[in-house]
Amino acid sequence: MGRTRTNRLTFVEIPKNIKFNYSFGDEIDVKITAARSFSLSGQICK
C-alpha cells in the first residue's frame, strides 16, 4: 500500500515469485488496473 502524489491510496499485490528488494519510502512503477473514488489498485510493472 502506498499513496500517489495527490494523496490517493494505492494498493499493489506483490506476487510470491518476484524478488522484492525495496524498503519503505522507495518509489516503484505500478500499472493501475482499477480506479475507485478514493483509491487505486494496480500491479508492479516489470
PDB file of N, CA and C in Angstrom:
ATOM      1  N   MET A   1       0.840  -1.164   0.000  1.00  0.00           N
ATOM      2  CA  MET A   1       0.000   0.000   0.000  1.00  0.00           C
ATOM      3  C   MET A   1       0.889   1.233   0.000  1.00  0.00           C
ATOM      4  N   GLY A   2       0.423   2.242  -0.709  1.00  0.00           N
ATOM      5  CA  GLY A   2       1.147   3.496  -0.751  1.00  0.00           C
ATOM      6  C   GLY A   2       0.210   4.621  -1.138  1.00  0.00           C
ATOM      7  N   ARG A   3       0.782   5.748  -1.467  1.00  0.00           N
ATOM      8  CA  ARG A   3      -0.016   6.904  -1.870  1.00  0.00           C
ATOM      9  C   ARG A   3       0.585   7.543  -3.111  1.00  0.00           C
ATOM     10  N   THR A   4      -0.297   8.147  -3.925  1.00  0.00           N
ATOM     11  CA  THR A   4       0.150   8.871  -5.108  1.00  0.00           C
ATOM     12  C   THR A   4       0.576  10.279  -4.700  1.00  0.00           C
ATOM     13  N   ARG A   5       1.049  11.054  -5.672  1.00  0.00           N
ATOM     14  CA  ARG A   5       1.424  12.442  -5.394  1.00  0.00           C
ATOM     15  C   ARG A   5       0.233  13.271  -4.938  1.00  0.00           C
ATOM     16  N   THR A   6      -0.975  12.861  -5.361  1.00  0.00           N
ATOM     17  CA  THR A   6      -2.187  13.587  -4.973  1.00  0.00           C
ATOM     18  C   THR A   6      -2.863  12.960  -3.754  1.00  0.00           C
ATOM     19  N   ASN A   7      -2.140  12.112  -3.051  1.00  0.00           N
ATOM     20  CA  ASN A   7      -2.550  11.525  -1.778  1.00  0.00           C
ATOM     21  C   ASN A   7      -3.659  10.473  -1.892  1.00  0.00           C
ATOM     22  N   ARG A   8      -3.821   9.830  -3.051  1.00  0.00           N
ATOM     23  CA  ARG A   8      -4.784   8.731  -3.179  1.00  0.00           C
ATOM     24  C   ARG A   8      -4.116   7.429  -2.748  1.00  0.00           C
ATOM     25  N   LEU A   9      -4.851   6.614  -2.017  1.00  0.00           N
ATOM     26  CA  LEU A   9      -4.324   5.313  -1.610  1.00  0.00           C
ATOM     27  C   LEU A   9      -4.115   4.439  -2.842  1.00  0.00           C
ATOM     28  N   THR A  10      -3.030   3.702  -2.864  1.00  0.00           N
ATOM     29  CA  THR A  10      -2.728   2.798  -3.972  1.00  0.00           C
ATOM     30  C   THR A  10      -2.366   1.439  -3.401  1.00  0.00           C
ATOM     31  N   PHE A  11      -3.110   0.424  -3.825  1.00  0.00           N
ATOM     32  CA  PHE A  11      -2.891  -0.939  -3.352  1.00  0.00           C
ATOM     33  C   PHE A  11      -2.240  -1.760  -4.456  1.00  0.00           C
ATOM     34  N   VAL A  12      -1.165  -2.459  -4.117  1.00  0.00           N
ATOM     35  CA  VAL A  12      -0.429  -3.286  -5.076  1.00  0.00           C
ATOM     36  C   VAL A  12      -0.172  -4.641  -4.442  1.00  0.00           C
ATOM     37  N   GLU A  13      -0.547  -5.701  -5.143  1.00  0.00           N
ATOM     38  CA  GLU A  13      -0.254  -7.045  -4.660  1.00  0.00           C
ATOM     39  C   GLU A  13       1.083  -7.480  -5.244  1.00  0.00           C
ATOM     40  N   ILE A  14       1.946  -7.970  -4.392  1.00  0.00           N
ATOM     41  CA  ILE A  14       3.273  -8.401  -4.826  1.00  0.00           C
ATOM     42  C   ILE A  14       3.256  -9.918  -4.964  1.00  0.00           C
ATOM     43  N   PRO A  15       3.451 -10.433  -6.195  1.00  0.00           N
ATOM     44  CA  PRO A  15       3.458 -11.888  -6.394  1.00  0.00           C
ATOM     45  C   PRO A  15       4.582 -12.560  -5.612  1.00  0.00           C
ATOM     46  N   LYS A  16       4.357 -13.784  -5.220  1.00  0.00           N
ATOM     47  CA  LYS A  16       5.350 -14.534  -4.441  1.00  0.00           C
ATOM     48  C   LYS A  16       6.630 -14.814  -5.226  1.00  0.00           C
ATOM     49  N   ASN A  17       6.535 -14.918  -6.563  1.00  0.00           N
ATOM     50  CA  ASN A  17       7.701 -15.293  -7.365  1.00  0.00           C
ATOM     51  C   ASN A  17       8.614 -14.112  -7.697  1.00  0.00           C
ATOM     52  N   ILE A  18       8.286 -12.908  -7.252  1.00  0.00           N
ATOM     53  CA  ILE A  18       9.125 -11.730  -7.505  1.00  0.00           C
ATOM     54  C   ILE A  18      10.048 -11.509  -6.314  1.00  0.00           C
ATOM     55  N   LYS A  19      11.335 -11.286  -6.596  1.00  0.00           N
ATOM     56  CA  LYS A  19      12.275 -10.941  -5.539  1.00  0.00           C
ATOM     57  C   LYS A  19      12.116  -9.448  -5.283  1.00  0.00           C
ATOM     58  N   PHE A  20      11.631  -9.089  -4.120  1.00  0.00           N
ATOM     59  CA  PHE A  20      11.275  -7.714  -3.798  1.00  0.00           C
ATOM     60  C   PHE A  20      12.328  -7.101  -2.895  1.00  0.00           C
ATOM     61  N   ASN A  21      13.170  -6.229  -3.459  1.00  0.00           N
ATOM     62  CA  ASN A  21      14.276  -5.627  -2.713  1.00  0.00           C
ATOM     63  C   ASN A  21      14.052  -4.148  -2.449  1.00  0.00           C
ATOM     64  N   TYR A  22      12.862  -3.758  -2.087  1.00  0.00           N
ATOM     65  CA  TYR A  22      12.556  -2.363  -1.823  1.00  0.00           C
ATOM     66  C   TYR A  22      12.276  -2.179  -0.344  1.00  0.00           C
ATOM     67  N   SER A  23      12.428  -0.953   0.123  1.00  0.00           N
ATOM     68  CA  SER A  23      12.113  -0.646   1.514  1.00  0.00           C
ATOM     69  C   SER A  23      11.148   0.538   1.555  1.00  0.00           C
ATOM     70  N   PHE A  24      10.677   0.887   2.725  1.00  0.00           N
ATOM     71  CA  PHE A  24       9.732   1.986   2.890  1.00  0.00           C
ATOM     72  C   PHE A  24      10.321   3.274   2.320  1.00  0.00           C
ATOM     73  N   GLY A  25       9.517   3.995   1.579  1.00  0.00           N
ATOM     74  CA  GLY A  25       9.950   5.266   1.006  1.00  0.00           C
ATOM     75  C   GLY A  25      10.457   5.157  -0.417  1.00  0.00           C
ATOM     76  N   ASP A  26      10.754   3.949  -0.898  1.00  0.00           N
ATOM     77  CA  ASP A  26      11.206   3.773  -2.275  1.00  0.00           C
ATOM     78  C   ASP A  26      10.027   3.940  -3.236  1.00  0.00           C
ATOM     79  N   GLU A  27      10.309   4.481  -4.421  1.00  0.00           N
ATOM     80  CA  GLU A  27       9.281   4.612  -5.447  1.00  0.00           C
ATOM     81  C   GLU A  27       9.372   3.426  -6.398  1.00  0.00           C
ATOM     82  N   ILE A  28       8.213   2.876  -6.767  1.00  0.00           N
ATOM     83  CA  ILE A  28       8.170   1.765  -7.718  1.00  0.00           C
ATOM     84  C   ILE A  28       7.177   2.106  -8.817  1.00  0.00           C
ATOM     85  N   ASP A  29       7.372   1.540 -10.004  1.00  0.00           N
ATOM     86  CA  ASP A  29       6.452   1.734 -11.123  1.00  0.00           C
ATOM     87  C   ASP A  29       5.298   0.758 -10.993  1.00  0.00           C
ATOM     88  N   VAL A  30       4.081   1.290 -11.077  1.00  0.00           N
ATOM     89  CA  VAL A  30       2.877   0.489 -10.916  1.00  0.00           C
ATOM     90  C   VAL A  30       1.937   0.776 -12.075  1.00  0.00           C
ATOM     91  N   LYS A  31       1.363  -0.279 -12.650  1.00  0.00           N
ATOM     92  CA  LYS A  31       0.338  -0.136 -13.683  1.00  0.00           C
ATOM     93  C   LYS A  31      -1.016  -0.200 -12.990  1.00  0.00           C
ATOM     94  N   ILE A  32      -1.814   0.863 -13.106  1.00  0.00           N
ATOM     95  CA  ILE A  32      -3.108   0.932 -12.451  1.00  0.00           C
ATOM     96  C   ILE A  32      -4.102   0.059 -13.216  1.00  0.00           C
ATOM     97  N   THR A  33      -4.769  -0.835 -12.487  1.00  0.00           N
ATOM     98  CA  THR A  33      -5.739  -1.744 -13.110  1.00  0.00           C
ATOM     99  C   THR A  33      -7.173  -1.424 -12.728  1.00  0.00           C
ATOM    100  N   ALA A  34      -7.388  -0.698 -11.627  1.00  0.00           N
ATOM    101  CA  ALA A  34      -8.743  -0.335 -11.197  1.00  0.00           C
ATOM    102  C   ALA A  34      -8.682   0.998 -10.460  1.00  0.00           C
ATOM    103  N   ALA A  35      -9.606   1.885 -10.806  1.00  0.00           N
ATOM    104  CA  ALA A  35      -9.690   3.187 -10.144  1.00  0.00           C
ATOM    105  C   ALA A  35     -11.040   3.311  -9.454  1.00  0.00           C
ATOM    106  N   ARG A  36     -11.002   3.677  -8.187  1.00  0.00           N
ATOM    107  CA  ARG A  36     -12.217   3.897  -7.417  1.00  0.00           C
ATOM    108  C   ARG A  36     -12.202   5.338  -6.898  1.00  0.00           C
ATOM    109  N   SER A  37     -13.233   5.734  -6.179  1.00  0.00           N
ATOM    110  CA  SER A  37     -13.367   7.116  -5.709  1.00  0.00           C
ATOM    111  C   SER A  37     -12.168   7.592  -4.892  1.00  0.00           C
ATOM    112  N   PHE A  38     -11.728   6.784  -3.933  1.00  0.00           N
ATOM    113  CA  PHE A  38     -10.675   7.224  -3.030  1.00  0.00           C
ATOM    114  C   PHE A  38      -9.411   6.380  -3.087  1.00  0.00           C
ATOM    115  N   SER A  39      -9.359   5.395  -3.990  1.00  0.00           N
ATOM    116  CA  SER A  39      -8.180   4.540  -4.046  1.00  0.00           C
ATOM    117  C   SER A  39      -7.961   3.987  -5.446  1.00  0.00           C
ATOM    118  N   LEU A  40      -6.766   3.451  -5.646  1.00  0.00           N
ATOM    119  CA  LEU A  40      -6.369   2.817  -6.903  1.00  0.00           C
ATOM    120  C   LEU A  40      -5.831   1.428  -6.594  1.00  0.00           C
ATOM    121  N   SER A  41      -5.990   0.501  -7.529  1.00  0.00           N
ATOM    122  CA  SER A  41      -5.384  -0.829  -7.420  1.00  0.00           C
ATOM    123  C   SER A  41      -4.518  -1.041  -8.651  1.00  0.00           C
ATOM    124  N   GLY A  42      -3.411  -1.748  -8.463  1.00  0.00           N
ATOM    125  CA  GLY A  42      -2.523  -1.962  -9.598  1.00  0.00           C
ATOM    126  C   GLY A  42      -1.610  -3.144  -9.405  1.00  0.00           C
ATOM    127  N   GLN A  43      -0.694  -3.270 -10.361  1.00  0.00           N
ATOM    128  CA  GLN A  43       0.303  -4.332 -10.296  1.00  0.00           C
ATOM    129  C   GLN A  43       1.660  -3.744 -10.651  1.00  0.00           C
ATOM    130  N   ILE A  44       2.697  -4.377 -10.171  1.00  0.00           N
ATOM    131  CA  ILE A  44       4.051  -3.904 -10.398  1.00  0.00           C
ATOM    132  C   ILE A  44       4.422  -4.045 -11.862  1.00  0.00           C
ATOM    133  N   CYS A  45       5.004  -2.993 -12.449  1.00  0.00           N
ATOM    134  CA  CYS A  45       5.499  -3.050 -13.830  1.00  0.00           C
ATOM    135  C   CYS A  45       6.846  -3.746 -13.825  1.00  0.00           C
ATOM    136  N   LYS A  46       7.054  -4.593 -14.801  1.00  0.00           N
ATOM    137  CA  LYS A  46       8.324  -5.330 -14.889  1.00  0.00           C
ATOM    138  C   LYS A  46       9.249  -4.694 -15.870  1.00  0.00           C
TER     139      LYS A  46
END
